[in-house]
């Protein structure tokens, strides 16, 4: 399931970034197409849940995009729309960015 999620997410991001390239100014964020592809990927992953909408994932995807844009170098950002396959470093960068954006699950006491 995790592998399917990762492949889907990366594919959607690369497809959307192919049409709109990432911005390389360090003060600017990744393109909005990255956020939208993230949202679509999350919707696909969670399609079995009832009453899930795009807005349920927008904050998470915007946070992930912000984290990526602040950690990736301009060279890495330039590399993203140029390749059909995701660079080897992208998976770990996305994992770190998304992990920092997950809300902690409240612990239940027995």
PDB file of N, CA and C in Angstrom:
ATOM      1  N   UNK A   1       0.832  -1.189   0.000  1.00  0.00           N
ATOM      2  CA  UNK A   1       0.000   0.000   0.000  1.00  0.00           C
ATOM      3  C   UNK A   1       0.878   1.254   0.000  1.00  0.00           C
ATOM      4  N   UNK A   2       1.951   1.242   0.831  1.00  0.00           N
ATOM      5  CA  UNK A   2       2.836   2.400   0.894  1.00  0.00           C
ATOM      6  C   UNK A   2       3.532   2.630  -0.437  1.00  0.00           C
ATOM      7  N   UNK A   3       3.949   1.549  -1.075  1.00  0.00           N
ATOM      8  CA  UNK A   3       4.629   1.664  -2.362  1.00  0.00           C
ATOM      9  C   UNK A   3       3.678   2.235  -3.407  1.00  0.00           C
ATOM     10  N   UNK A   4       2.458   1.770  -3.405  1.00  0.00           N
ATOM     11  CA  UNK A   4       1.452   2.272  -4.344  1.00  0.00           C
ATOM     12  C   UNK A   4       1.212   3.762  -4.114  1.00  0.00           C
ATOM     13  N   UNK A   5       1.112   4.150  -2.859  1.00  0.00           N
ATOM     14  CA  UNK A   5       0.930   5.554  -2.503  1.00  0.00           C
ATOM     15  C   UNK A   5       2.085   6.405  -3.012  1.00  0.00           C
ATOM     16  N   UNK A   6       3.300   5.947  -2.772  1.00  0.00           N
ATOM     17  CA  UNK A   6       4.487   6.696  -3.170  1.00  0.00           C
ATOM     18  C   UNK A   6       4.561   6.834  -4.675  1.00  0.00           C
ATOM     19  N   UNK A   7       4.340   5.757  -5.386  1.00  0.00           N
ATOM     20  CA  UNK A   7       4.390   5.792  -6.843  1.00  0.00           C
ATOM     21  C   UNK A   7       3.316   6.717  -7.395  1.00  0.00           C
ATOM     22  N   UNK A   8       2.114   6.624  -6.850  1.00  0.00           N
ATOM     23  CA  UNK A   8       1.018   7.471  -7.302  1.00  0.00           C
ATOM     24  C   UNK A   8       1.318   8.930  -7.037  1.00  0.00           C
ATOM     25  N   UNK A   9       1.788   9.231  -5.854  1.00  0.00           N
ATOM     26  CA  UNK A   9       2.087  10.608  -5.488  1.00  0.00           C
ATOM     27  C   UNK A   9       3.172  11.188  -6.380  1.00  0.00           C
ATOM     28  N   UNK A  10       4.235  10.462  -6.565  1.00  0.00           N
ATOM     29  CA  UNK A  10       5.339  10.943  -7.391  1.00  0.00           C
ATOM     30  C   UNK A  10       4.890  11.105  -8.842  1.00  0.00           C
ATOM     31  N   UNK A  11       4.132  10.147  -9.347  1.00  0.00           N
ATOM     32  CA  UNK A  11       3.662  10.235 -10.730  1.00  0.00           C
ATOM     33  C   UNK A  11       2.788  11.459 -10.943  1.00  0.00           C
ATOM     34  N   UNK A  12       1.863  11.676 -10.028  1.00  0.00           N
ATOM     35  CA  UNK A  12       0.986  12.838 -10.157  1.00  0.00           C
ATOM     36  C   UNK A  12       1.763  14.138 -10.070  1.00  0.00           C
ATOM     37  N   UNK A  13       2.730  14.192  -9.165  1.00  0.00           N
ATOM     38  CA  UNK A  13       3.511  15.421  -9.023  1.00  0.00           C
ATOM     39  C   UNK A  13       4.344  15.692 -10.264  1.00  0.00           C
ATOM     40  N   UNK A  14       4.971  14.656 -10.775  1.00  0.00           N
ATOM     41  CA  UNK A  14       5.813  14.849 -11.957  1.00  0.00           C
ATOM     42  C   UNK A  14       4.986  15.207 -13.177  1.00  0.00           C
ATOM     43  N   UNK A  15       3.821  14.585 -13.317  1.00  0.00           N
ATOM     44  CA  UNK A  15       2.950  14.934 -14.435  1.00  0.00           C
ATOM     45  C   UNK A  15       2.497  16.382 -14.358  1.00  0.00           C
ATOM     46  N   UNK A  16       2.101  16.800 -13.172  1.00  0.00           N
ATOM     47  CA  UNK A  16       1.615  18.174 -13.044  1.00  0.00           C
ATOM     48  C   UNK A  16       2.752  19.180 -13.153  1.00  0.00           C
ATOM     49  N   UNK A  17       3.931  18.812 -12.692  1.00  0.00           N
ATOM     50  CA  UNK A  17       5.055  19.736 -12.781  1.00  0.00           C
ATOM     51  C   UNK A  17       5.610  19.801 -14.191  1.00  0.00           C
ATOM     52  N   UNK A  18       5.332  18.796 -14.997  1.00  0.00           N
ATOM     53  CA  UNK A  18       5.767  18.850 -16.379  1.00  0.00           C
ATOM     54  C   UNK A  18       5.082  19.977 -17.125  1.00  0.00           C
ATOM     55  N   UNK A  19       3.834  20.238 -16.791  1.00  0.00           N
ATOM     56  CA  UNK A  19       3.088  21.322 -17.437  1.00  0.00           C
ATOM     57  C   UNK A  19       3.452  22.679 -16.858  1.00  0.00           C
ATOM     58  N   UNK A  20       3.732  22.719 -15.582  1.00  0.00           N
ATOM     59  CA  UNK A  20       4.097  23.968 -14.929  1.00  0.00           C
ATOM     60  C   UNK A  20       5.360  23.720 -14.134  1.00  0.00           C
ATOM     61  N   UNK A  21       6.437  24.339 -14.526  1.00  0.00           N
ATOM     62  CA  UNK A  21       7.705  24.057 -13.861  1.00  0.00           C
ATOM     63  C   UNK A  21       7.761  24.679 -12.480  1.00  0.00           C
ATOM     64  N   UNK A  22       8.580  24.078 -11.628  1.00  0.00           N
ATOM     65  CA  UNK A  22       8.776  24.599 -10.276  1.00  0.00           C
ATOM     66  C   UNK A  22       9.539  25.916 -10.350  1.00  0.00           C
ATOM     67  N   UNK A  23       9.271  26.782  -9.409  1.00  0.00           N
ATOM     68  CA  UNK A  23       9.952  28.061  -9.352  1.00  0.00           C
ATOM     69  C   UNK A  23      11.254  27.877  -8.599  1.00  0.00           C
ATOM     70  N   UNK A  24      12.331  28.477  -9.092  1.00  0.00           N
ATOM     71  CA  UNK A  24      13.628  28.202  -8.510  1.00  0.00           C
ATOM     72  C   UNK A  24      14.115  29.286  -7.572  1.00  0.00           C
ATOM     73  N   UNK A  25      13.410  30.367  -7.431  1.00  0.00           N
ATOM     74  CA  UNK A  25      13.800  31.403  -6.489  1.00  0.00           C
ATOM     75  C   UNK A  25      13.604  30.849  -5.086  1.00  0.00           C
ATOM     76  N   UNK A  26      14.647  30.870  -4.238  1.00  0.00           N
ATOM     77  CA  UNK A  26      14.516  30.288  -2.904  1.00  0.00           C
ATOM     78  C   UNK A  26      13.414  30.939  -2.071  1.00  0.00           C
ATOM     79  N   UNK A  27      13.043  32.161  -2.399  1.00  0.00           N
ATOM     80  CA  UNK A  27      11.999  32.847  -1.652  1.00  0.00           C
ATOM     81  C   UNK A  27      10.607  32.488  -2.144  1.00  0.00           C
ATOM     82  N   UNK A  28      10.529  31.741  -3.232  1.00  0.00           N
ATOM     83  CA  UNK A  28       9.238  31.346  -3.771  1.00  0.00           C
ATOM     84  C   UNK A  28       8.978  29.882  -3.457  1.00  0.00           C
ATOM     85  N   UNK A  29       7.736  29.491  -3.534  1.00  0.00           N
ATOM     86  CA  UNK A  29       7.364  28.122  -3.222  1.00  0.00           C
ATOM     87  C   UNK A  29       7.254  27.299  -4.500  1.00  0.00           C
ATOM     88  N   UNK A  30       7.159  25.986  -4.334  1.00  0.00           N
ATOM     89  CA  UNK A  30       6.899  25.127  -5.485  1.00  0.00           C
ATOM     90  C   UNK A  30       5.582  25.554  -6.112  1.00  0.00           C
ATOM     91  N   UNK A  31       5.373  25.204  -7.322  1.00  0.00           N
ATOM     92  CA  UNK A  31       4.164  25.611  -8.018  1.00  0.00           C
ATOM     93  C   UNK A  31       2.913  25.042  -7.349  1.00  0.00           C
ATOM     94  N   UNK A  32       1.793  25.718  -7.590  1.00  0.00           N
ATOM     95  CA  UNK A  32       0.529  25.269  -7.007  1.00  0.00           C
ATOM     96  C   UNK A  32       0.100  23.932  -7.583  1.00  0.00           C
ATOM     97  N   UNK A  33       0.633  23.557  -8.740  1.00  0.00           N
ATOM     98  CA  UNK A  33       0.278  22.260  -9.316  1.00  0.00           C
ATOM     99  C   UNK A  33       0.775  21.114  -8.430  1.00  0.00           C
ATOM    100  N   UNK A  34       1.854  21.353  -7.701  1.00  0.00           N
ATOM    101  CA  UNK A  34       2.359  20.345  -6.764  1.00  0.00           C
ATOM    102  C   UNK A  34       1.333  20.119  -5.653  1.00  0.00           C
ATOM    103  N   UNK A  35       0.780  21.200  -5.127  1.00  0.00           N
ATOM    104  CA  UNK A  35      -0.240  21.093  -4.076  1.00  0.00           C
ATOM    105  C   UNK A  35      -1.451  20.332  -4.612  1.00  0.00           C
ATOM    106  N   UNK A  36      -1.893  20.693  -5.804  1.00  0.00           N
ATOM    107  CA  UNK A  36      -3.074  20.051  -6.379  1.00  0.00           C
ATOM    108  C   UNK A  36      -2.832  18.569  -6.659  1.00  0.00           C
ATOM    109  N   UNK A  37      -1.641  18.218  -7.135  1.00  0.00           N
ATOM    110  CA  UNK A  37      -1.362  16.803  -7.383  1.00  0.00           C
ATOM    111  C   UNK A  37      -1.298  16.027  -6.073  1.00  0.00           C
ATOM    112  N   UNK A  38      -0.791  16.661  -5.027  1.00  0.00           N
ATOM    113  CA  UNK A  38      -0.764  16.040  -3.708  1.00  0.00           C
ATOM    114  C   UNK A  38      -2.192  15.775  -3.223  1.00  0.00           C
ATOM    115  N   UNK A  39      -3.050  16.759  -3.381  1.00  0.00           N
ATOM    116  CA  UNK A  39      -4.453  16.610  -2.958  1.00  0.00           C
ATOM    117  C   UNK A  39      -5.117  15.471  -3.723  1.00  0.00           C
ATOM    118  N   UNK A  40      -4.925  15.428  -5.032  1.00  0.00           N
ATOM    119  CA  UNK A  40      -5.538  14.367  -5.835  1.00  0.00           C
ATOM    120  C   UNK A  40      -5.002  12.998  -5.427  1.00  0.00           C
ATOM    121  N   UNK A  41      -3.739  12.928  -5.126  1.00  0.00           N
ATOM    122  CA  UNK A  41      -3.150  11.670  -4.680  1.00  0.00           C
ATOM    123  C   UNK A  41      -3.744  11.236  -3.340  1.00  0.00           C
ATOM    124  N   UNK A  42      -3.891  12.171  -2.424  1.00  0.00           N
ATOM    125  CA  UNK A  42      -4.480  11.852  -1.116  1.00  0.00           C
ATOM    126  C   UNK A  42      -5.932  11.407  -1.263  1.00  0.00           C
ATOM    127  N   UNK A  43      -6.672  12.053  -2.153  1.00  0.00           N
ATOM    128  CA  UNK A  43      -8.061  11.647  -2.397  1.00  0.00           C
ATOM    129  C   UNK A  43      -8.127  10.220  -2.936  1.00  0.00           C
ATOM    130  N   UNK A  44      -7.209   9.900  -3.832  1.00  0.00           N
ATOM    131  CA  UNK A  44      -7.183   8.555  -4.392  1.00  0.00           C
ATOM    132  C   UNK A  44      -6.830   7.525  -3.319  1.00  0.00           C
ATOM    133  N   UNK A  45      -5.878   7.841  -2.487  1.00  0.00           N
ATOM    134  CA  UNK A  45      -5.462   6.919  -1.431  1.00  0.00           C
ATOM    135  C   UNK A  45      -6.588   6.691  -0.425  1.00  0.00           C
ATOM    136  N   UNK A  46      -7.329   7.746  -0.131  1.00  0.00           N
ATOM    137  CA  UNK A  46      -8.373   7.674   0.883  1.00  0.00           C
ATOM    138  C   UNK A  46      -9.775   7.560   0.279  1.00  0.00           C
ATOM    139  N   UNK A  47      -9.867   7.065  -0.930  1.00  0.00           N
ATOM    140  CA  UNK A  47     -11.150   7.012  -1.620  1.00  0.00           C
ATOM    141  C   UNK A  47     -12.181   6.123  -0.921  1.00  0.00           C
ATOM    142  N   UNK A  48     -11.741   5.203  -0.097  1.00  0.00           N
ATOM    143  CA  UNK A  48     -12.676   4.314   0.601  1.00  0.00           C
ATOM    144  C   UNK A  48     -13.305   4.970   1.827  1.00  0.00           C
ATOM    145  N   UNK A  49     -12.784   6.111   2.234  1.00  0.00           N
ATOM    146  CA  UNK A  49     -13.364   6.819   3.374  1.00  0.00           C
ATOM    147  C   UNK A  49     -14.530   7.675   2.896  1.00  0.00           C
ATOM    148  N   UNK A  50     -15.569   7.697   3.655  1.00  0.00           N
ATOM    149  CA  UNK A  50     -16.741   8.498   3.301  1.00  0.00           C
ATOM    150  C   UNK A  50     -16.505   9.948   3.687  1.00  0.00           C
ATOM    151  N   UNK A  51     -17.126  10.817   2.943  1.00  0.00           N
ATOM    152  CA  UNK A  51     -17.129  12.252   3.228  1.00  0.00           C
ATOM    153  C   UNK A  51     -15.725  12.862   3.298  1.00  0.00           C
ATOM    154  N   UNK A  52     -14.867  12.490   2.383  1.00  0.00           N
ATOM    155  CA  UNK A  52     -13.530  13.066   2.296  1.00  0.00           C
ATOM    156  C   UNK A  52     -13.534  14.032   1.120  1.00  0.00           C
ATOM    157  N   UNK A  53     -13.033  15.240   1.365  1.00  0.00           N
ATOM    158  CA  UNK A  53     -13.009  16.244   0.299  1.00  0.00           C
ATOM    159  C   UNK A  53     -11.603  16.792   0.121  1.00  0.00           C
ATOM    160  N   UNK A  54     -11.426  17.575  -0.924  1.00  0.00           N
ATOM    161  CA  UNK A  54     -10.135  18.197  -1.200  1.00  0.00           C
ATOM    162  C   UNK A  54      -9.675  19.053  -0.032  1.00  0.00           C
ATOM    163  N   UNK A  55     -10.574  19.754   0.592  1.00  0.00           N
ATOM    164  CA  UNK A  55     -10.209  20.634   1.701  1.00  0.00           C
ATOM    165  C   UNK A  55      -9.642  19.872   2.896  1.00  0.00           C
ATOM    166  N   UNK A  56      -9.972  18.594   3.005  1.00  0.00           N
ATOM    167  CA  UNK A  56      -9.447  17.790   4.098  1.00  0.00           C
ATOM    168  C   UNK A  56      -7.933  17.600   3.987  1.00  0.00           C
ATOM    169  N   UNK A  57      -7.398  17.726   2.786  1.00  0.00           N
ATOM    170  CA  UNK A  57      -5.981  17.496   2.560  1.00  0.00           C
ATOM    171  C   UNK A  57      -5.202  18.755   2.174  1.00  0.00           C
ATOM    172  N   UNK A  58      -5.899  19.857   1.950  1.00  0.00           N
ATOM    173  CA  UNK A  58      -5.234  21.072   1.471  1.00  0.00           C
ATOM    174  C   UNK A  58      -4.143  21.556   2.427  1.00  0.00           C
ATOM    175  N   UNK A  59      -4.428  21.652   3.709  1.00  0.00           N
ATOM    176  CA  UNK A  59      -3.436  22.155   4.668  1.00  0.00           C
ATOM    177  C   UNK A  59      -2.210  21.243   4.708  1.00  0.00           C
ATOM    178  N   UNK A  60      -2.443  19.945   4.697  1.00  0.00           N
ATOM    179  CA  UNK A  60      -1.335  18.986   4.702  1.00  0.00           C
ATOM    180  C   UNK A  60      -0.478  19.135   3.441  1.00  0.00           C
ATOM    181  N   UNK A  61      -1.110  19.218   2.293  1.00  0.00           N
ATOM    182  CA  UNK A  61      -0.372  19.320   1.033  1.00  0.00           C
ATOM    183  C   UNK A  61       0.341  20.663   0.909  1.00  0.00           C
ATOM    184  N   UNK A  62      -0.267  21.727   1.381  1.00  0.00           N
ATOM    185  CA  UNK A  62       0.402  23.030   1.368  1.00  0.00           C
ATOM    186  C   UNK A  62       1.608  23.025   2.298  1.00  0.00           C
ATOM    187  N   UNK A  63       1.468  22.391   3.444  1.00  0.00           N
ATOM    188  CA  UNK A  63       2.582  22.283   4.387  1.00  0.00           C
ATOM    189  C   UNK A  63       3.721  21.466   3.775  1.00  0.00           C
ATOM    190  N   UNK A  64       3.392  20.340   3.164  1.00  0.00           N
ATOM    191  CA  UNK A  64       4.406  19.499   2.536  1.00  0.00           C
ATOM    192  C   UNK A  64       5.136  20.260   1.437  1.00  0.00           C
ATOM    193  N   UNK A  65       4.399  20.992   0.642  1.00  0.00           N
ATOM    194  CA  UNK A  65       4.992  21.785  -0.432  1.00  0.00           C
ATOM    195  C   UNK A  65       5.909  22.863   0.136  1.00  0.00           C
ATOM    196  N   UNK A  66       5.461  23.507   1.190  1.00  0.00           N
ATOM    197  CA  UNK A  66       6.273  24.548   1.829  1.00  0.00           C
ATOM    198  C   UNK A  66       7.567  23.951   2.391  1.00  0.00           C
ATOM    199  N   UNK A  67       7.452  22.800   3.033  1.00  0.00           N
ATOM    200  CA  UNK A  67       8.631  22.145   3.587  1.00  0.00           C
ATOM    201  C   UNK A  67       9.618  21.757   2.480  1.00  0.00           C
ATOM    202  N   UNK A  68       9.098  21.216   1.398  1.00  0.00           N
ATOM    203  CA  UNK A  68       9.965  20.837   0.280  1.00  0.00           C
ATOM    204  C   UNK A  68      10.652  22.055  -0.327  1.00  0.00           C
ATOM    205  N   UNK A  69       9.891  23.121  -0.528  1.00  0.00           N
ATOM    206  CA  UNK A  69      10.472  24.302  -1.163  1.00  0.00           C
ATOM    207  C   UNK A  69      11.528  24.950  -0.275  1.00  0.00           C
ATOM    208  N   UNK A  70      11.422  24.749   1.037  1.00  0.00           N
ATOM    209  CA  UNK A  70      12.422  25.339   1.924  1.00  0.00           C
ATOM    210  C   UNK A  70      13.656  24.449   2.094  1.00  0.00           C
ATOM    211  N   UNK A  71      13.524  23.151   1.792  1.00  0.00           N
ATOM    212  CA  UNK A  71      14.656  22.254   1.983  1.00  0.00           C
ATOM    213  C   UNK A  71      15.385  21.896   0.687  1.00  0.00           C
ATOM    214  N   UNK A  72      14.690  21.947  -0.444  1.00  0.00           N
ATOM    215  CA  UNK A  72      15.338  21.600  -1.704  1.00  0.00           C
ATOM    216  C   UNK A  72      16.161  22.773  -2.224  1.00  0.00           C
ATOM    217  N   UNK A  73      17.262  22.451  -2.840  1.00  0.00           N
ATOM    218  CA  UNK A  73      18.101  23.488  -3.444  1.00  0.00           C
ATOM    219  C   UNK A  73      17.492  23.912  -4.780  1.00  0.00           C
ATOM    220  N   UNK A  74      17.938  25.034  -5.290  1.00  0.00           N
ATOM    221  CA  UNK A  74      17.420  25.500  -6.582  1.00  0.00           C
ATOM    222  C   UNK A  74      17.792  24.515  -7.687  1.00  0.00           C
ATOM    223  N   UNK A  75      18.923  23.846  -7.560  1.00  0.00           N
ATOM    224  CA  UNK A  75      19.321  22.831  -8.535  1.00  0.00           C
ATOM    225  C   UNK A  75      18.349  21.658  -8.508  1.00  0.00           C
ATOM    226  N   UNK A  76      17.957  21.235  -7.308  1.00  0.00           N
ATOM    227  CA  UNK A  76      16.995  20.142  -7.187  1.00  0.00           C
ATOM    228  C   UNK A  76      15.636  20.555  -7.749  1.00  0.00           C
ATOM    229  N   UNK A  77      15.213  21.764  -7.451  1.00  0.00           N
ATOM    230  CA  UNK A  77      13.933  22.245  -7.969  1.00  0.00           C
ATOM    231  C   UNK A  77      13.945  22.299  -9.490  1.00  0.00           C
ATOM    232  N   UNK A  78      15.076  22.698 -10.066  1.00  0.00           N
ATOM    233  CA  UNK A  78      15.203  22.736 -11.521  1.00  0.00           C
ATOM    234  C   UNK A  78      15.156  21.343 -12.126  1.00  0.00           C
ATOM    235  N   UNK A  79      15.650  20.370 -11.394  1.00  0.00           N
ATOM    236  CA  UNK A  79      15.725  19.000 -11.891  1.00  0.00           C
ATOM    237  C   UNK A  79      14.354  18.327 -11.973  1.00  0.00           C
ATOM    238  N   UNK A  80      13.434  18.704 -11.123  1.00  0.00           N
ATOM    239  CA  UNK A  80      12.143  18.019 -11.054  1.00  0.00           C
ATOM    240  C   UNK A  80      11.370  17.975 -12.369  1.00  0.00           C
ATOM    241  N   UNK A  81      11.121  19.093 -13.031  1.00  0.00           N
ATOM    242  CA  UNK A  81      10.307  19.002 -14.255  1.00  0.00           C
ATOM    243  C   UNK A  81      11.074  18.489 -15.469  1.00  0.00           C
ATOM    244  N   UNK A  82      12.373  18.282 -15.354  1.00  0.00           N
ATOM    245  CA  UNK A  82      13.184  17.882 -16.504  1.00  0.00           C
ATOM    246  C   UNK A  82      13.239  16.382 -16.722  1.00  0.00           C
ATOM    247  N   UNK A  83      12.840  15.608 -15.736  1.00  0.00           N
ATOM    248  CA  UNK A  83      12.949  14.165 -15.866  1.00  0.00           C
ATOM    249  C   UNK A  83      11.575  13.509 -15.851  1.00  0.00           C
ATOM    250  N   UNK A  84      11.479  12.371 -16.539  1.00  0.00           N
ATOM    251  CA  UNK A  84      10.227  11.613 -16.531  1.00  0.00           C
ATOM    252  C   UNK A  84      10.136  10.730 -15.302  1.00  0.00           C
ATOM    253  N   UNK A  85      11.291  10.391 -14.746  1.00  0.00           N
ATOM    254  CA  UNK A  85      11.330   9.583 -13.533  1.00  0.00           C
ATOM    255  C   UNK A  85      11.729  10.492 -12.378  1.00  0.00           C
ATOM    256  N   UNK A  86      11.275  10.133 -11.199  1.00  0.00           N
ATOM    257  CA  UNK A  86      11.634  10.959 -10.049  1.00  0.00           C
ATOM    258  C   UNK A  86      13.090  10.724  -9.671  1.00  0.00           C
ATOM    259  N   UNK A  87      13.784  11.787  -9.289  1.00  0.00           N
ATOM    260  CA  UNK A  87      15.169  11.631  -8.840  1.00  0.00           C
ATOM    261  C   UNK A  87      15.222  10.777  -7.579  1.00  0.00           C
ATOM    262  N   UNK A  88      16.342  10.112  -7.358  1.00  0.00           N
ATOM    263  CA  UNK A  88      16.483   9.214  -6.214  1.00  0.00           C
ATOM    264  C   UNK A  88      16.301   9.947  -4.885  1.00  0.00           C
ATOM    265  N   UNK A  89      16.698  11.187  -4.812  1.00  0.00           N
ATOM    266  CA  UNK A  89      16.639  11.941  -3.565  1.00  0.00           C
ATOM    267  C   UNK A  89      15.228  12.433  -3.243  1.00  0.00           C
ATOM    268  N   UNK A  90      14.321  12.423  -4.212  1.00  0.00           N
ATOM    269  CA  UNK A  90      12.994  13.005  -4.001  1.00  0.00           C
ATOM    270  C   UNK A  90      12.169  12.227  -2.982  1.00  0.00           C
ATOM    271  N   UNK A  91      12.226  10.912  -3.016  1.00  0.00           N
ATOM    272  CA  UNK A  91      11.410  10.094  -2.111  1.00  0.00           C
ATOM    273  C   UNK A  91      11.713  10.416  -0.650  1.00  0.00           C
ATOM    274  N   UNK A  92      12.988  10.490  -0.303  1.00  0.00           N
ATOM    275  CA  UNK A  92      13.337  10.776   1.089  1.00  0.00           C
ATOM    276  C   UNK A  92      12.999  12.220   1.457  1.00  0.00           C
ATOM    277  N   UNK A  93      13.146  13.151   0.517  1.00  0.00           N
ATOM    278  CA  UNK A  93      12.799  14.552   0.786  1.00  0.00           C
ATOM    279  C   UNK A  93      11.300  14.693   1.020  1.00  0.00           C
ATOM    280  N   UNK A  94      10.502  14.009   0.214  1.00  0.00           N
ATOM    281  CA  UNK A  94       9.045  14.053   0.386  1.00  0.00           C
ATOM    282  C   UNK A  94       8.628  13.388   1.696  1.00  0.00           C
ATOM    283  N   UNK A  95       9.258  12.289   2.039  1.00  0.00           N
ATOM    284  CA  UNK A  95       8.921  11.595   3.282  1.00  0.00           C
ATOM    285  C   UNK A  95       9.200  12.486   4.489  1.00  0.00           C
ATOM    286  N   UNK A  96      10.340  13.147   4.478  1.00  0.00           N
ATOM    287  CA  UNK A  96      10.683  14.041   5.585  1.00  0.00           C
ATOM    288  C   UNK A  96       9.734  15.231   5.644  1.00  0.00           C
ATOM    289  N   UNK A  97       9.409  15.785   4.490  1.00  0.00           N
ATOM    290  CA  UNK A  97       8.514  16.937   4.446  1.00  0.00           C
ATOM    291  C   UNK A  97       7.113  16.556   4.916  1.00  0.00           C
ATOM    292  N   UNK A  98       6.604  15.432   4.429  1.00  0.00           N
ATOM    293  CA  UNK A  98       5.248  15.038   4.816  1.00  0.00           C
ATOM    294  C   UNK A  98       5.179  14.636   6.280  1.00  0.00           C
ATOM    295  N   UNK A  99       6.241  14.017   6.784  1.00  0.00           N
ATOM    296  CA  UNK A  99       6.260  13.608   8.195  1.00  0.00           C
ATOM    297  C   UNK A  99       6.189  14.831   9.113  1.00  0.00           C
ATOM    298  N   UNK A 100       6.847  15.895   8.721  1.00  0.00           N
ATOM    299  CA  UNK A 100       6.832  17.097   9.552  1.00  0.00           C
ATOM    300  C   UNK A 100       5.471  17.795   9.517  1.00  0.00           C
ATOM    301  N   UNK A 101       4.636  17.429   8.554  1.00  0.00           N
ATOM    302  CA  UNK A 101       3.331  18.074   8.424  1.00  0.00           C
ATOM    303  C   UNK A 101       2.172  17.255   9.002  1.00  0.00           C
ATOM    304  N   UNK A 102       2.448  16.037   9.406  1.00  0.00           N
ATOM    305  CA  UNK A 102       1.391  15.210   9.982  1.00  0.00           C
ATOM    306  C   UNK A 102       1.062  15.681  11.383  1.00  0.00           C
ATOM    307  N   UNK A 103      -0.225  15.753  11.672  1.00  0.00           N
ATOM    308  CA  UNK A 103      -0.659  16.118  13.011  1.00  0.00           C
ATOM    309  C   UNK A 103      -0.517  14.905  13.917  1.00  0.00           C
ATOM    310  N   UNK A 104      -0.034  15.096  15.139  1.00  0.00           N
ATOM    311  CA  UNK A 104       0.087  13.957  16.045  1.00  0.00           C
ATOM    312  C   UNK A 104      -1.285  13.389  16.393  1.00  0.00           C
ATOM    313  N   UNK A 105      -1.336  12.084  16.487  1.00  0.00           N
ATOM    314  CA  UNK A 105      -2.573  11.398  16.860  1.00  0.00           C
ATOM    315  C   UNK A 105      -2.684  11.417  18.375  1.00  0.00           C
ATOM    316  N   UNK A 106      -3.815  11.866  18.901  1.00  0.00           N
ATOM    317  CA  UNK A 106      -3.948  11.879  20.361  1.00  0.00           C
ATOM    318  C   UNK A 106      -3.888  10.469  20.928  1.00  0.00           C
ATOM    319  N   UNK A 107      -3.176  10.314  22.018  1.00  0.00           N
ATOM    320  CA  UNK A 107      -3.042   9.006  22.657  1.00  0.00           C
ATOM    321  C   UNK A 107      -4.245   8.772  23.551  1.00  0.00           C
ATOM    322  N   UNK A 108      -4.725   7.561  23.513  1.00  0.00           N
ATOM    323  CA  UNK A 108      -5.833   7.199  24.375  1.00  0.00           C
ATOM    324  C   UNK A 108      -5.305   6.492  25.605  1.00  0.00           C
ATOM    325  N   UNK A 109      -5.959   6.699  26.696  1.00  0.00           N
ATOM    326  CA  UNK A 109      -5.542   6.070  27.931  1.00  0.00           C
ATOM    327  C   UNK A 109      -6.502   4.947  28.247  1.00  0.00           C
ATOM    328  N   UNK A 110      -5.962   3.838  28.714  1.00  0.00           N
ATOM    329  CA  UNK A 110      -6.799   2.675  29.035  1.00  0.00           C
ATOM    330  C   UNK A 110      -7.242   2.732  30.474  1.00  0.00           C
TER     331      UNK A 110
END
